[in-house]
C-alpha atoms as a PDB file:
ATOM      1  CA  MET A   1     100.054 190.508-143.091  1.00  0.00           C
ATOM      2  CA  ALA A   2      96.315 191.101-143.478  1.00  0.00           C
ATOM      3  CA  ASN A   3      96.629 194.524-141.854  1.00  0.00           C
ATOM      4  CA  ILE A   4      99.322 195.625-144.279  1.00  0.00           C
ATOM      5  CA  ASN A   5      97.622 194.163-147.349  1.00  0.00           C
ATOM      6  CA  GLY A   6      94.438 196.029-146.517  1.00  0.00           C
ATOM      7  CA  LEU A   7      96.275 199.316-146.045  1.00  0.00           C
ATOM      8  CA  ILE A   8      98.285 199.137-149.273  1.00  0.00           C
ATOM      9  CA  ALA A   9      95.486 197.883-151.547  1.00  0.00           C
ATOM     10  CA  GLU A  10      94.847 200.138-154.552  1.00  0.00           C
ATOM     11  CA  LYS A  11      97.256 202.837-153.397  1.00  0.00           C
ATOM     12  CA  PRO A  12     100.232 203.645-155.621  1.00  0.00           C
ATOM     13  CA  VAL A  13     102.568 204.662-152.767  1.00  0.00           C
ATOM     14  CA  VAL A  14     102.286 203.827-149.075  1.00  0.00           C
ATOM     15  CA  ILE A  15     104.816 204.785-146.431  1.00  0.00           C
ATOM     16  CA  PHE A  16     104.755 203.365-142.921  1.00  0.00           C
ATOM     17  CA  SER A  17     106.474 205.838-140.659  1.00  0.00           C
ATOM     18  CA  ARG A  18     106.830 207.201-137.153  1.00  0.00           C
ATOM     19  CA  SER A  19     106.168 210.884-136.651  1.00  0.00           C
ATOM     20  CA  SER A  20     109.486 211.357-134.798  1.00  0.00           C
ATOM     21  CA  CYS A  21     111.689 209.447-137.283  1.00  0.00           C
ATOM     22  CA  SER A  22     114.018 211.708-139.264  1.00  0.00           C
ATOM     23  CA  MET A  23     114.709 209.055-141.923  1.00  0.00           C
ATOM     24  CA  SER A  24     110.974 208.624-142.445  1.00  0.00           C
ATOM     25  CA  HIS A  25     110.662 212.379-142.895  1.00  0.00           C
ATOM     26  CA  ALA A  26     113.481 212.372-145.459  1.00  0.00           C
ATOM     27  CA  ILE A  27     111.859 209.560-147.476  1.00  0.00           C
ATOM     28  CA  LYS A  28     108.432 211.226-147.379  1.00  0.00           C
ATOM     29  CA  THR A  29     110.010 214.460-148.601  1.00  0.00           C
ATOM     30  CA  LEU A  30     111.937 212.684-151.377  1.00  0.00           C
ATOM     31  CA  ILE A  31     108.900 210.848-152.737  1.00  0.00           C
ATOM     32  CA  SER A  32     106.731 213.961-152.491  1.00  0.00           C
ATOM     33  CA  SER A  33     109.358 215.934-154.421  1.00  0.00           C
ATOM     34  CA  PHE A  34     108.482 213.841-157.488  1.00  0.00           C
ATOM     35  CA  GLY A  35     104.903 215.112-157.244  1.00  0.00           C
ATOM     36  CA  ALA A  36     103.594 211.895-155.717  1.00  0.00           C
ATOM     37  CA  ASN A  37     101.014 212.029-152.948  1.00  0.00           C
ATOM     38  CA  PRO A  38     101.900 209.016-150.795  1.00  0.00           C
ATOM     39  CA  THR A  39      99.509 207.538-148.280  1.00  0.00           C
ATOM     40  CA  ILE A  40     101.327 207.809-144.965  1.00  0.00           C
ATOM     41  CA  TYR A  41     100.600 205.786-141.848  1.00  0.00           C
ATOM     42  CA  GLU A  42     102.279 207.132-138.714  1.00  0.00           C
ATOM     43  CA  LEU A  43     102.530 203.958-136.633  1.00  0.00           C
ATOM     44  CA  ASP A  44     102.908 205.867-133.378  1.00  0.00           C
ATOM     45  CA  GLU A  45      99.589 207.623-134.040  1.00  0.00           C
ATOM     46  CA  ILE A  46      97.277 204.774-135.072  1.00  0.00           C
ATOM     47  CA  ALA A  47      95.612 202.232-132.793  1.00  0.00           C
ATOM     48  CA  ASN A  48      97.088 199.076-134.359  1.00  0.00           C
ATOM     49  CA  GLY A  49     100.504 200.610-135.055  1.00  0.00           C
ATOM     50  CA  ARG A  50     102.450 198.088-132.957  1.00  0.00           C
ATOM     51  CA  GLN A  51     100.808 195.147-134.731  1.00  0.00           C
ATOM     52  CA  ILE A  52     101.582 196.648-138.133  1.00  0.00           C
ATOM     53  CA  GLU A  53     105.162 197.239-137.040  1.00  0.00           C
ATOM     54  CA  ARG A  54     105.496 193.554-136.071  1.00  0.00           C
ATOM     55  CA  GLU A  55     104.157 192.563-139.496  1.00  0.00           C
ATOM     56  CA  LEU A  56     106.690 194.845-141.200  1.00  0.00           C
ATOM     57  CA  VAL A  57     109.504 193.167-139.270  1.00  0.00           C
ATOM     58  CA  GLN A  58     108.164 189.755-140.374  1.00  0.00           C
ATOM     59  CA  LEU A  59     108.341 191.004-143.977  1.00  0.00           C
ATOM     60  CA  GLY A  60     112.016 191.781-143.433  1.00  0.00           C
ATOM     61  CA  CYS A  61     111.933 195.502-142.689  1.00  0.00           C
ATOM     62  CA  GLN A  62     114.849 196.211-140.361  1.00  0.00           C
ATOM     63  CA  PRO A  63     114.390 198.821-138.990  1.00  0.00           C
ATOM     64  CA  SER A  64     110.622 198.668-139.332  1.00  0.00           C
ATOM     65  CA  VAL A  65     110.249 202.297-140.468  1.00  0.00           C
ATOM     66  CA  PRO A  66     110.315 203.819-142.909  1.00  0.00           C
ATOM     67  CA  ALA A  67     108.759 201.013-144.934  1.00  0.00           C
ATOM     68  CA  VAL A  68     107.847 201.965-148.486  1.00  0.00           C
ATOM     69  CA  PHE A  69     105.431 200.149-150.772  1.00  0.00           C
ATOM     70  CA  ILE A  70     105.184 201.249-154.400  1.00  0.00           C
ATOM     71  CA  GLY A  71     102.603 199.591-156.603  1.00  0.00           C
ATOM     72  CA  GLN A  72     101.603 197.322-153.692  1.00  0.00           C
ATOM     73  CA  GLN A  73     105.149 195.887-153.617  1.00  0.00           C
ATOM     74  CA  LEU A  74     107.565 196.317-150.732  1.00  0.00           C
ATOM     75  CA  VAL A  75     110.484 198.449-151.891  1.00  0.00           C
ATOM     76  CA  GLY A  76     112.116 198.486-148.480  1.00  0.00           C
ATOM     77  CA  GLY A  77     113.408 201.125-146.133  1.00  0.00           C
ATOM     78  CA  ALA A  78     115.383 204.320-146.479  1.00  0.00           C
ATOM     79  CA  LYS A  79     118.509 202.579-147.793  1.00  0.00           C
ATOM     80  CA  GLN A  80     116.643 200.847-150.622  1.00  0.00           C
ATOM     81  CA  VAL A  81     114.684 203.972-151.602  1.00  0.00           C
ATOM     82  CA  MET A  82     117.828 206.122-151.611  1.00  0.00           C
ATOM     83  CA  SER A  83     119.613 203.495-153.690  1.00  0.00           C
ATOM     84  CA  LEU A  84     116.808 203.615-156.264  1.00  0.00           C
ATOM     85  CA  GLN A  85     117.101 207.407-156.337  1.00  0.00           C
ATOM     86  CA  VAL A  86     120.865 207.328-156.865  1.00  0.00           C
ATOM     87  CA  GLN A  87     120.375 204.847-159.730  1.00  0.00           C
ATOM     88  CA  ASN A  88     117.663 207.081-161.308  1.00  0.00           C
ATOM     89  CA  GLN A  89     115.090 204.306-160.904  1.00  0.00           C
ATOM     90  CA  LEU A  90     112.776 205.796-158.274  1.00  0.00           C
ATOM     91  CA  GLY A  91     110.960 208.093-160.718  1.00  0.00           C
ATOM     92  CA  GLN A  92     110.412 205.233-163.153  1.00  0.00           C
ATOM     93  CA  LEU A  93     109.005 203.048-160.380  1.00  0.00           C
ATOM     94  CA  LEU A  94     106.628 205.815-159.293  1.00  0.00           C
ATOM     95  CA  ARG A  95     105.453 206.301-162.903  1.00  0.00           C
ATOM     96  CA  ARG A  96     104.815 202.583-163.416  1.00  0.00           C
ATOM     97  CA  ALA A  97     102.758 202.495-160.205  1.00  0.00           C
ATOM     98  CA  GLY A  98     100.645 205.440-161.388  1.00  0.00           C
ATOM     99  CA  ALA A  99     101.854 207.702-158.583  1.00  0.00           C
ATOM    100  CA  ILE A 100     103.146 210.341-161.010  1.00  0.00           C
ATOM    101  CA  TRP A 101     102.442 211.036-164.649  1.00  0.00           C
ATOM    102  CA  VAL A 102     105.459 213.005-165.897  1.00  0.00           C
END
């Protein structure tokens, strides 16, 4: 988990993704639509991507991408993020993490 902890430290929103994953694209677009500027790690484009993916699975991410961290806390994958959006809680979570100000 050291890899993940280092990558999410002091960043309000981090998304672990794969460049070819349509669900990852949808989640990145949704979070960006709030005005947030998430830090995005494309696991198929970074050297230690497979190791990070294994760590995400150990954390309970199934499938491993997209994996969203807000305020250094694992929110989950696409299903969990979409659920927060439907319940009007995603914007509040982004505000509390300092990712957006409005």
